[in-house]
Every structure is written in C-alpha cells, then in structure tokens.
C-alpha cells in the first residue's frame, strides 16, 4: 500500500495531472461508475467504459447530466493540496506498519 501511495503522490506532482480525494462517508454519484468528460470537438461528449465495452454519450441532455455529476464530485472532493496531505498521512501510517 505504501508503494501505491508513493506512486499516486508522484503522479500528483506532474504538471498536467491533478489528484483529488473523495472522502469516505461522503455519498457520491461517483459510486455509480466512471466517466470521462471530453470537450475536444465542437461540443462536449462523455466516454463510459464498462467491463466488456465502452461507449460515447453525445445527446445534450445526457452529457449535461454527466457535467452536473462531475461538478458534484469535484465540489465534494478535497482540493489537490489537501488530497496530497491526506495521502502523505496514510503513507506515513502504512510505511510505519510495514516496518513492524
């Protein structure tokens, strides 16, 4: 676990990457599965990835629902600095346990 947390902190330190922790005990729409909002074309789309397939969502109403879900998750999550601090705290705990 300590190595995994170190790897997350390494990724969090990259220029184009943001790591944010969604605290436990905080009910979230994110528990319904993962999605990736994309806005590289003329209008936004959402990519869903499932066990055996993936799909793109194009309908404006559906994309809007995922945009709202994304905003909800972002507002419930810790900021990047708080997230890194929390990960460091857990890293310290797991690293100490590994030495025992």
PDB file of N, CA and C in Angstrom:
ATOM      1  N   UNK A   1       0.821  -1.190   0.000  1.00  0.00           N
ATOM      2  CA  UNK A   1       0.000   0.000   0.000  1.00  0.00           C
ATOM      3  C   UNK A   1       0.871   1.262   0.000  1.00  0.00           C
ATOM      4  N   UNK A   2       1.944   1.233   0.765  1.00  0.00           N
ATOM      5  CA  UNK A   2       2.820   2.402   0.824  1.00  0.00           C
ATOM      6  C   UNK A   2       3.375   2.723  -0.563  1.00  0.00           C
ATOM      7  N   UNK A   3       3.767   1.696  -1.303  1.00  0.00           N
ATOM      8  CA  UNK A   3       4.292   1.925  -2.659  1.00  0.00           C
ATOM      9  C   UNK A   3       3.225   2.510  -3.584  1.00  0.00           C
ATOM     10  N   UNK A   4       2.005   2.062  -3.436  1.00  0.00           N
ATOM     11  CA  UNK A   4       0.918   2.611  -4.250  1.00  0.00           C
ATOM     12  C   UNK A   4       0.684   4.085  -3.927  1.00  0.00           C
ATOM     13  N   UNK A   5       0.726   4.416  -2.650  1.00  0.00           N
ATOM     14  CA  UNK A   5       0.540   5.818  -2.261  1.00  0.00           C
ATOM     15  C   UNK A   5       1.690   6.687  -2.758  1.00  0.00           C
ATOM     16  N   UNK A   6       2.910   6.167  -2.724  1.00  0.00           N
ATOM     17  CA  UNK A   6       4.052   6.912  -3.280  1.00  0.00           C
ATOM     18  C   UNK A   6       3.843   7.167  -4.776  1.00  0.00           C
ATOM     19  N   UNK A   7       3.352   6.161  -5.477  1.00  0.00           N
ATOM     20  CA  UNK A   7       3.109   6.308  -6.913  1.00  0.00           C
ATOM     21  C   UNK A   7       2.038   7.365  -7.181  1.00  0.00           C
ATOM     22  N   UNK A   8       1.000   7.393  -6.369  1.00  0.00           N
ATOM     23  CA  UNK A   8      -0.053   8.410  -6.536  1.00  0.00           C
ATOM     24  C   UNK A   8       0.528   9.800  -6.302  1.00  0.00           C
ATOM     25  N   UNK A   9       1.346   9.956  -5.266  1.00  0.00           N
ATOM     26  CA  UNK A   9       1.970  11.258  -4.997  1.00  0.00           C
ATOM     27  C   UNK A   9       2.895  11.677  -6.130  1.00  0.00           C
ATOM     28  N   UNK A  10       3.588  10.713  -6.721  1.00  0.00           N
ATOM     29  CA  UNK A  10       4.455  11.030  -7.856  1.00  0.00           C
ATOM     30  C   UNK A  10       3.623  11.559  -9.025  1.00  0.00           C
ATOM     31  N   UNK A  11       2.525  10.901  -9.308  1.00  0.00           N
ATOM     32  CA  UNK A  11       1.637  11.348 -10.395  1.00  0.00           C
ATOM     33  C   UNK A  11       1.046  12.717 -10.059  1.00  0.00           C
ATOM     34  N   UNK A  12       0.682  12.918  -8.794  1.00  0.00           N
ATOM     35  CA  UNK A  12       0.087  14.195  -8.375  1.00  0.00           C
ATOM     36  C   UNK A  12       1.041  15.360  -8.585  1.00  0.00           C
ATOM     37  N   UNK A  13       2.335  15.079  -8.588  1.00  0.00           N
ATOM     38  CA  UNK A  13       3.325  16.130  -8.774  1.00  0.00           C
ATOM     39  C   UNK A  13       3.568  16.509 -10.223  1.00  0.00           C
ATOM     40  N   UNK A  14       2.959  15.804 -11.144  1.00  0.00           N
ATOM     41  CA  UNK A  14       3.162  16.120 -12.562  1.00  0.00           C
ATOM     42  C   UNK A  14       2.379  17.363 -12.954  1.00  0.00           C
ATOM     43  N   UNK A  15       2.900  18.044 -13.955  1.00  0.00           N
ATOM     44  CA  UNK A  15       2.346  19.334 -14.369  1.00  0.00           C
ATOM     45  C   UNK A  15       0.890  19.256 -14.827  1.00  0.00           C
ATOM     46  N   UNK A  16       0.543  18.255 -15.599  1.00  0.00           N
ATOM     47  CA  UNK A  16      -0.797  18.209 -16.193  1.00  0.00           C
ATOM     48  C   UNK A  16      -1.727  17.216 -15.505  1.00  0.00           C
ATOM     49  N   UNK A  17      -1.425  16.881 -14.248  1.00  0.00           N
ATOM     50  CA  UNK A  17      -2.229  15.904 -13.516  1.00  0.00           C
ATOM     51  C   UNK A  17      -2.682  16.506 -12.196  1.00  0.00           C
ATOM     52  N   UNK A  18      -3.937  16.271 -11.861  1.00  0.00           N
ATOM     53  CA  UNK A  18      -4.467  16.691 -10.573  1.00  0.00           C
ATOM     54  C   UNK A  18      -5.049  15.469  -9.884  1.00  0.00           C
ATOM     55  N   UNK A  19      -4.668  15.261  -8.643  1.00  0.00           N
ATOM     56  CA  UNK A  19      -5.222  14.172  -7.846  1.00  0.00           C
ATOM     57  C   UNK A  19      -6.076  14.787  -6.754  1.00  0.00           C
ATOM     58  N   UNK A  20      -7.326  14.325  -6.687  1.00  0.00           N
ATOM     59  CA  UNK A  20      -8.248  14.804  -5.659  1.00  0.00           C
ATOM     60  C   UNK A  20      -8.885  13.598  -4.992  1.00  0.00           C
ATOM     61  N   UNK A  21      -8.947  13.631  -3.670  1.00  0.00           N
ATOM     62  CA  UNK A  21      -9.505  12.532  -2.891  1.00  0.00           C
ATOM     63  C   UNK A  21     -10.959  12.845  -2.552  1.00  0.00           C
ATOM     64  N   UNK A  22     -11.798  11.868  -2.789  1.00  0.00           N
ATOM     65  CA  UNK A  22     -13.197  11.960  -2.385  1.00  0.00           C
ATOM     66  C   UNK A  22     -13.310  11.245  -1.043  1.00  0.00           C
ATOM     67  N   UNK A  23     -13.528  11.991   0.042  1.00  0.00           N
ATOM     68  CA  UNK A  23     -13.509  11.380   1.370  1.00  0.00           C
ATOM     69  C   UNK A  23     -14.553  10.267   1.517  1.00  0.00           C
ATOM     70  N   UNK A  24     -14.195   9.254   2.300  1.00  0.00           N
ATOM     71  CA  UNK A  24     -15.159   8.196   2.583  1.00  0.00           C
ATOM     72  C   UNK A  24     -16.270   8.764   3.448  1.00  0.00           C
ATOM     73  N   UNK A  25     -17.399   8.138   3.389  1.00  0.00           N
ATOM     74  CA  UNK A  25     -18.537   8.617   4.166  1.00  0.00           C
ATOM     75  C   UNK A  25     -19.270   9.754   3.481  1.00  0.00           C
ATOM     76  N   UNK A  26     -18.776  10.155   2.311  1.00  0.00           N
ATOM     77  CA  UNK A  26     -19.413  11.227   1.561  1.00  0.00           C
ATOM     78  C   UNK A  26     -20.168  10.586   0.394  1.00  0.00           C
ATOM     79  N   UNK A  27     -21.485  10.405   0.525  1.00  0.00           N
ATOM     80  CA  UNK A  27     -22.216   9.741  -0.549  1.00  0.00           C
ATOM     81  C   UNK A  27     -22.030  10.508  -1.856  1.00  0.00           C
ATOM     82  N   UNK A  28     -21.815   9.766  -2.910  1.00  0.00           N
ATOM     83  CA  UNK A  28     -21.475  10.439  -4.153  1.00  0.00           C
ATOM     84  C   UNK A  28     -22.036   9.724  -5.360  1.00  0.00           C
ATOM     85  N   UNK A  29     -22.348  10.501  -6.365  1.00  0.00           N
ATOM     86  CA  UNK A  29     -22.763   9.978  -7.657  1.00  0.00           C
ATOM     87  C   UNK A  29     -21.639   9.163  -8.290  1.00  0.00           C
ATOM     88  N   UNK A  30     -20.400   9.398  -7.853  1.00  0.00           N
ATOM     89  CA  UNK A  30     -19.247   8.697  -8.423  1.00  0.00           C
ATOM     90  C   UNK A  30     -19.300   7.199  -8.143  1.00  0.00           C
ATOM     91  N   UNK A  31     -20.098   6.787  -7.186  1.00  0.00           N
ATOM     92  CA  UNK A  31     -20.215   5.366  -6.885  1.00  0.00           C
ATOM     93  C   UNK A  31     -20.976   4.613  -7.980  1.00  0.00           C
ATOM     94  N   UNK A  32     -21.593   5.333  -8.889  1.00  0.00           N
ATOM     95  CA  UNK A  32     -22.358   4.701  -9.963  1.00  0.00           C
ATOM     96  C   UNK A  32     -21.498   4.256 -11.135  1.00  0.00           C
ATOM     97  N   UNK A  33     -20.220   4.504 -11.104  1.00  0.00           N
ATOM     98  CA  UNK A  33     -19.336   4.112 -12.195  1.00  0.00           C
ATOM     99  C   UNK A  33     -18.500   5.285 -12.664  1.00  0.00           C
ATOM    100  N   UNK A  34     -17.601   5.002 -13.578  1.00  0.00           N
ATOM    101  CA  UNK A  34     -16.698   6.058 -14.027  1.00  0.00           C
ATOM    102  C   UNK A  34     -17.120   6.615 -15.376  1.00  0.00           C
ATOM    103  N   UNK A  35     -16.724   7.848 -15.615  1.00  0.00           N
ATOM    104  CA  UNK A  35     -16.978   8.519 -16.880  1.00  0.00           C
ATOM    105  C   UNK A  35     -15.872   9.518 -17.130  1.00  0.00           C
ATOM    106  N   UNK A  36     -15.672   9.857 -18.384  1.00  0.00           N
ATOM    107  CA  UNK A  36     -14.645  10.831 -18.751  1.00  0.00           C
ATOM    108  C   UNK A  36     -15.303  11.888 -19.622  1.00  0.00           C
ATOM    109  N   UNK A  37     -15.471  13.110 -19.104  1.00  0.00           N
ATOM    110  CA  UNK A  37     -15.993  14.188 -19.949  1.00  0.00           C
ATOM    111  C   UNK A  37     -14.904  14.643 -20.919  1.00  0.00           C
ATOM    112  N   UNK A  38     -15.283  14.878 -22.159  1.00  0.00           N
ATOM    113  CA  UNK A  38     -14.326  15.318 -23.174  1.00  0.00           C
ATOM    114  C   UNK A  38     -14.910  16.508 -23.916  1.00  0.00           C
ATOM    115  N   UNK A  39     -14.071  17.487 -24.152  1.00  0.00           N
ATOM    116  CA  UNK A  39     -14.535  18.661 -24.896  1.00  0.00           C
ATOM    117  C   UNK A  39     -13.502  19.051 -25.943  1.00  0.00           C
ATOM    118  N   UNK A  40     -13.084  18.076 -26.718  1.00  0.00           N
ATOM    119  CA  UNK A  40     -12.061  18.333 -27.731  1.00  0.00           C
ATOM    120  C   UNK A  40     -12.650  18.716 -29.081  1.00  0.00           C
ATOM    121  N   UNK A  41     -13.925  18.483 -29.273  1.00  0.00           N
ATOM    122  CA  UNK A  41     -14.563  18.776 -30.558  1.00  0.00           C
ATOM    123  C   UNK A  41     -15.472  19.981 -30.462  1.00  0.00           C
ATOM    124  N   UNK A  42     -16.398  20.080 -31.394  1.00  0.00           N
ATOM    125  CA  UNK A  42     -17.297  21.233 -31.407  1.00  0.00           C
ATOM    126  C   UNK A  42     -18.263  21.268 -30.227  1.00  0.00           C
ATOM    127  N   UNK A  43     -18.549  20.099 -29.650  1.00  0.00           N
ATOM    128  CA  UNK A  43     -19.403  20.067 -28.453  1.00  0.00           C
ATOM    129  C   UNK A  43     -18.924  18.938 -27.548  1.00  0.00           C
ATOM    130  N   UNK A  44     -19.194  19.061 -26.242  1.00  0.00           N
ATOM    131  CA  UNK A  44     -18.689  18.051 -25.304  1.00  0.00           C
ATOM    132  C   UNK A  44     -19.360  16.693 -25.500  1.00  0.00           C
ATOM    133  N   UNK A  45     -18.614  15.649 -25.171  1.00  0.00           N
ATOM    134  CA  UNK A  45     -19.124  14.279 -25.150  1.00  0.00           C
ATOM    135  C   UNK A  45     -18.631  13.635 -23.863  1.00  0.00           C
ATOM    136  N   UNK A  46     -19.169  12.469 -23.551  1.00  0.00           N
ATOM    137  CA  UNK A  46     -18.758  11.722 -22.367  1.00  0.00           C
ATOM    138  C   UNK A  46     -18.421  10.305 -22.807  1.00  0.00           C
ATOM    139  N   UNK A  47     -17.307   9.784 -22.288  1.00  0.00           N
ATOM    140  CA  UNK A  47     -16.938   8.397 -22.572  1.00  0.00           C
ATOM    141  C   UNK A  47     -17.205   7.556 -21.334  1.00  0.00           C
ATOM    142  N   UNK A  48     -17.902   6.438 -21.532  1.00  0.00           N
ATOM    143  CA  UNK A  48     -18.173   5.480 -20.465  1.00  0.00           C
ATOM    144  C   UNK A  48     -17.421   4.203 -20.790  1.00  0.00           C
ATOM    145  N   UNK A  49     -16.780   3.636 -19.794  1.00  0.00           N
ATOM    146  CA  UNK A  49     -16.073   2.382 -20.007  1.00  0.00           C
ATOM    147  C   UNK A  49     -16.635   1.343 -19.056  1.00  0.00           C
ATOM    148  N   UNK A  50     -16.995   0.203 -19.615  1.00  0.00           N
ATOM    149  CA  UNK A  50     -17.583  -0.882 -18.838  1.00  0.00           C
ATOM    150  C   UNK A  50     -16.690  -2.105 -18.927  1.00  0.00           C
ATOM    151  N   UNK A  51     -17.078  -3.155 -18.273  1.00  0.00           N
ATOM    152  CA  UNK A  51     -16.278  -4.372 -18.225  1.00  0.00           C
ATOM    153  C   UNK A  51     -15.934  -4.899 -19.612  1.00  0.00           C
ATOM    154  N   UNK A  52     -16.890  -4.934 -20.502  1.00  0.00           N
ATOM    155  CA  UNK A  52     -16.657  -5.531 -21.814  1.00  0.00           C
ATOM    156  C   UNK A  52     -16.825  -4.565 -22.977  1.00  0.00           C
ATOM    157  N   UNK A  53     -17.047  -3.303 -22.679  1.00  0.00           N
ATOM    158  CA  UNK A  53     -17.221  -2.356 -23.781  1.00  0.00           C
ATOM    159  C   UNK A  53     -17.048  -0.928 -23.281  1.00  0.00           C
ATOM    160  N   UNK A  54     -17.068  -0.015 -24.202  1.00  0.00           N
ATOM    161  CA  UNK A  54     -17.051   1.402 -23.902  1.00  0.00           C
ATOM    162  C   UNK A  54     -17.997   2.088 -24.859  1.00  0.00           C
ATOM    163  N   UNK A  55     -18.446   3.267 -24.514  1.00  0.00           N
ATOM    164  CA  UNK A  55     -19.316   3.988 -25.428  1.00  0.00           C
ATOM    165  C   UNK A  55     -19.186   5.483 -25.202  1.00  0.00           C
ATOM    166  N   UNK A  56     -19.556   6.234 -26.224  1.00  0.00           N
ATOM    167  CA  UNK A  56     -19.570   7.688 -26.142  1.00  0.00           C
ATOM    168  C   UNK A  56     -21.007   8.156 -26.030  1.00  0.00           C
ATOM    169  N   UNK A  57     -21.239   9.131 -25.179  1.00  0.00           N
ATOM    170  CA  UNK A  57     -22.557   9.736 -24.988  1.00  0.00           C
ATOM    171  C   UNK A  57     -22.512  11.095 -25.665  1.00  0.00           C
ATOM    172  N   UNK A  58     -23.428  11.308 -26.603  1.00  0.00           N
ATOM    173  CA  UNK A  58     -23.451  12.547 -27.377  1.00  0.00           C
ATOM    174  C   UNK A  58     -24.668  13.421 -27.098  1.00  0.00           C
ATOM    175  N   UNK A  59     -25.778  12.824 -26.693  1.00  0.00           N
ATOM    176  CA  UNK A  59     -27.023  13.579 -26.503  1.00  0.00           C
ATOM    177  C   UNK A  59     -26.814  14.683 -25.469  1.00  0.00           C
ATOM    178  N   UNK A  60     -27.257  15.878 -25.825  1.00  0.00           N
ATOM    179  CA  UNK A  60     -27.014  17.050 -24.978  1.00  0.00           C
ATOM    180  C   UNK A  60     -27.533  16.867 -23.553  1.00  0.00           C
ATOM    181  N   UNK A  61     -28.716  16.305 -23.390  1.00  0.00           N
ATOM    182  CA  UNK A  61     -29.283  16.112 -22.051  1.00  0.00           C
ATOM    183  C   UNK A  61     -28.457  15.117 -21.242  1.00  0.00           C
ATOM    184  N   UNK A  62     -27.976  14.060 -21.891  1.00  0.00           N
ATOM    185  CA  UNK A  62     -27.158  13.067 -21.199  1.00  0.00           C
ATOM    186  C   UNK A  62     -25.804  13.643 -20.812  1.00  0.00           C
ATOM    187  N   UNK A  63     -25.179  14.367 -21.732  1.00  0.00           N
ATOM    188  CA  UNK A  63     -23.888  14.996 -21.442  1.00  0.00           C
ATOM    189  C   UNK A  63     -24.055  15.987 -20.293  1.00  0.00           C
ATOM    190  N   UNK A  64     -25.134  16.721 -20.289  1.00  0.00           N
ATOM    191  CA  UNK A  64     -25.407  17.686 -19.221  1.00  0.00           C
ATOM    192  C   UNK A  64     -25.498  16.997 -17.860  1.00  0.00           C
ATOM    193  N   UNK A  65     -26.132  15.832 -17.822  1.00  0.00           N
ATOM    194  CA  UNK A  65     -26.238  15.095 -16.564  1.00  0.00           C
ATOM    195  C   UNK A  65     -24.857  14.711 -16.043  1.00  0.00           C
ATOM    196  N   UNK A  66     -23.964  14.317 -16.944  1.00  0.00           N
ATOM    197  CA  UNK A  66     -22.601  13.969 -16.526  1.00  0.00           C
ATOM    198  C   UNK A  66     -21.804  15.207 -16.134  1.00  0.00           C
ATOM    199  N   UNK A  67     -22.059  16.335 -16.766  1.00  0.00           N
ATOM    200  CA  UNK A  67     -21.390  17.577 -16.367  1.00  0.00           C
ATOM    201  C   UNK A  67     -21.801  17.965 -14.954  1.00  0.00           C
ATOM    202  N   UNK A  68     -23.076  17.799 -14.630  1.00  0.00           N
ATOM    203  CA  UNK A  68     -23.559  18.083 -13.273  1.00  0.00           C
ATOM    204  C   UNK A  68     -22.942  17.100 -12.288  1.00  0.00           C
ATOM    205  N   UNK A  69     -22.884  15.830 -12.665  1.00  0.00           N
ATOM    206  CA  UNK A  69     -22.274  14.816 -11.793  1.00  0.00           C
ATOM    207  C   UNK A  69     -20.803  15.131 -11.551  1.00  0.00           C
ATOM    208  N   UNK A  70     -20.094  15.558 -12.580  1.00  0.00           N
ATOM    209  CA  UNK A  70     -18.679  15.914 -12.438  1.00  0.00           C
ATOM    210  C   UNK A  70     -18.523  17.081 -11.470  1.00  0.00           C
ATOM    211  N   UNK A  71     -19.353  18.100 -11.615  1.00  0.00           N
ATOM    212  CA  UNK A  71     -19.294  19.257 -10.714  1.00  0.00           C
ATOM    213  C   UNK A  71     -19.608  18.846  -9.277  1.00  0.00           C
ATOM    214  N   UNK A  72     -20.543  17.920  -9.106  1.00  0.00           N
ATOM    215  CA  UNK A  72     -20.902  17.435  -7.773  1.00  0.00           C
ATOM    216  C   UNK A  72     -19.729  16.713  -7.125  1.00  0.00           C
ATOM    217  N   UNK A  73     -19.080  15.839  -7.872  1.00  0.00           N
ATOM    218  CA  UNK A  73     -17.930  15.101  -7.339  1.00  0.00           C
ATOM    219  C   UNK A  73     -16.782  16.062  -7.019  1.00  0.00           C
ATOM    220  N   UNK A  74     -16.531  17.002  -7.902  1.00  0.00           N
ATOM    221  CA  UNK A  74     -15.434  17.950  -7.668  1.00  0.00           C
ATOM    222  C   UNK A  74     -15.697  18.797  -6.426  1.00  0.00           C
ATOM    223  N   UNK A  75     -16.929  19.216  -6.211  1.00  0.00           N
ATOM    224  CA  UNK A  75     -17.210  20.052  -5.040  1.00  0.00           C
ATOM    225  C   UNK A  75     -17.153  19.252  -3.745  1.00  0.00           C
ATOM    226  N   UNK A  76     -17.378  17.945  -3.812  1.00  0.00           N
ATOM    227  CA  UNK A  76     -17.330  17.102  -2.614  1.00  0.00           C
ATOM    228  C   UNK A  76     -15.919  16.619  -2.298  1.00  0.00           C
ATOM    229  N   UNK A  77     -15.015  16.711  -3.267  1.00  0.00           N
ATOM    230  CA  UNK A  77     -13.664  16.185  -3.056  1.00  0.00           C
ATOM    231  C   UNK A  77     -12.763  17.230  -2.410  1.00  0.00           C
ATOM    232  N   UNK A  78     -11.687  16.726  -1.828  1.00  0.00           N
ATOM    233  CA  UNK A  78     -10.678  17.619  -1.258  1.00  0.00           C
ATOM    234  C   UNK A  78      -9.910  18.293  -2.386  1.00  0.00           C
ATOM    235  N   UNK A  79      -9.354  19.442  -2.130  1.00  0.00           N
ATOM    236  CA  UNK A  79      -8.518  20.109  -3.112  1.00  0.00           C
ATOM    237  C   UNK A  79      -7.220  19.352  -3.311  1.00  0.00           C
ATOM    238  N   UNK A  80      -6.453  19.702  -4.344  1.00  0.00           N
ATOM    239  CA  UNK A  80      -5.205  18.987  -4.623  1.00  0.00           C
ATOM    240  C   UNK A  80      -4.221  18.977  -3.453  1.00  0.00           C
ATOM    241  N   UNK A  81      -4.017  20.102  -2.800  1.00  0.00           N
ATOM    242  CA  UNK A  81      -3.066  20.152  -1.677  1.00  0.00           C
ATOM    243  C   UNK A  81      -3.567  19.327  -0.501  1.00  0.00           C
ATOM    244  N   UNK A  82      -4.855  19.473  -0.171  1.00  0.00           N
ATOM    245  CA  UNK A  82      -5.433  18.684   0.922  1.00  0.00           C
ATOM    246  C   UNK A  82      -5.358  17.193   0.613  1.00  0.00           C
ATOM    247  N   UNK A  83      -5.611  16.839  -0.636  1.00  0.00           N
ATOM    248  CA  UNK A  83      -5.560  15.435  -1.050  1.00  0.00           C
ATOM    249  C   UNK A  83      -4.152  14.871  -0.891  1.00  0.00           C
ATOM    250  N   UNK A  84      -3.163  15.624  -1.357  1.00  0.00           N
ATOM    251  CA  UNK A  84      -1.770  15.167  -1.218  1.00  0.00           C
ATOM    252  C   UNK A  84      -1.386  15.027   0.248  1.00  0.00           C
ATOM    253  N   UNK A  85      -1.826  15.962   1.087  1.00  0.00           N
ATOM    254  CA  UNK A  85      -1.522  15.872   2.514  1.00  0.00           C
ATOM    255  C   UNK A  85      -2.156  14.634   3.138  1.00  0.00           C
ATOM    256  N   UNK A  86      -3.389  14.339   2.764  1.00  0.00           N
ATOM    257  CA  UNK A  86      -4.059  13.156   3.291  1.00  0.00           C
ATOM    258  C   UNK A  86      -3.348  11.881   2.837  1.00  0.00           C
ATOM    259  N   UNK A  87      -2.959  11.849   1.577  1.00  0.00           N
ATOM    260  CA  UNK A  87      -2.232  10.685   1.055  1.00  0.00           C
ATOM    261  C   UNK A  87      -0.908  10.522   1.790  1.00  0.00           C
ATOM    262  N   UNK A  88      -0.206  11.631   2.063  1.00  0.00           N
ATOM    263  CA  UNK A  88       1.055  11.561   2.819  1.00  0.00           C
ATOM    264  C   UNK A  88       0.823  11.006   4.228  1.00  0.00           C
ATOM    265  N   UNK A  89      -0.281  11.438   4.862  1.00  0.00           N
ATOM    266  CA  UNK A  89      -0.606  10.922   6.198  1.00  0.00           C
ATOM    267  C   UNK A  89      -0.795   9.407   6.162  1.00  0.00           C
ATOM    268  N   UNK A  90      -1.548   8.930   5.175  1.00  0.00           N
ATOM    269  CA  UNK A  90      -1.757   7.484   5.037  1.00  0.00           C
ATOM    270  C   UNK A  90      -0.445   6.778   4.702  1.00  0.00           C
ATOM    271  N   UNK A  91       0.361   7.406   3.880  1.00  0.00           N
ATOM    272  CA  UNK A  91       1.659   6.833   3.515  1.00  0.00           C
ATOM    273  C   UNK A  91       2.519   6.631   4.764  1.00  0.00           C
ATOM    274  N   UNK A  92       2.551   7.622   5.613  1.00  0.00           N
ATOM    275  CA  UNK A  92       3.313   7.516   6.857  1.00  0.00           C
ATOM    276  C   UNK A  92       2.806   6.345   7.698  1.00  0.00           C
ATOM    277  N   UNK A  93       1.487   6.212   7.793  1.00  0.00           N
ATOM    278  CA  UNK A  93       0.891   5.123   8.574  1.00  0.00           C
ATOM    279  C   UNK A  93       1.243   3.757   7.984  1.00  0.00           C
ATOM    280  N   UNK A  94       1.086   3.612   6.676  1.00  0.00           N
ATOM    281  CA  UNK A  94       1.361   2.321   6.039  1.00  0.00           C
ATOM    282  C   UNK A  94       2.842   1.999   6.018  1.00  0.00           C
ATOM    283  N   UNK A  95       3.689   2.985   5.837  1.00  0.00           N
ATOM    284  CA  UNK A  95       5.132   2.751   5.840  1.00  0.00           C
ATOM    285  C   UNK A  95       5.594   2.309   7.219  1.00  0.00           C
ATOM    286  N   UNK A  96       5.038   2.904   8.263  1.00  0.00           N
ATOM    287  CA  UNK A  96       5.394   2.519   9.637  1.00  0.00           C
ATOM    288  C   UNK A  96       4.904   1.100   9.928  1.00  0.00           C
ATOM    289  N   UNK A  97       3.711   0.766   9.456  1.00  0.00           N
ATOM    290  CA  UNK A  97       3.170  -0.587   9.676  1.00  0.00           C
ATOM    291  C   UNK A  97       4.000  -1.639   8.949  1.00  0.00           C
ATOM    292  N   UNK A  98       4.537  -1.272   7.785  1.00  0.00           N
ATOM    293  CA  UNK A  98       5.338  -2.219   7.013  1.00  0.00           C
ATOM    294  C   UNK A  98       6.648  -2.545   7.710  1.00  0.00           C
ATOM    295  N   UNK A  99       7.137  -1.629   8.509  1.00  0.00           N
ATOM    296  CA  UNK A  99       8.405  -1.841   9.223  1.00  0.00           C
ATOM    297  C   UNK A  99       8.236  -2.745  10.441  1.00  0.00           C
ATOM    298  N   UNK A 100       7.003  -2.864  10.913  1.00  0.00           N
ATOM    299  CA  UNK A 100       6.749  -3.670  12.126  1.00  0.00           C
ATOM    300  C   UNK A 100       6.812  -5.146  11.820  1.00  0.00           C
TER     301      UNK A 100
END
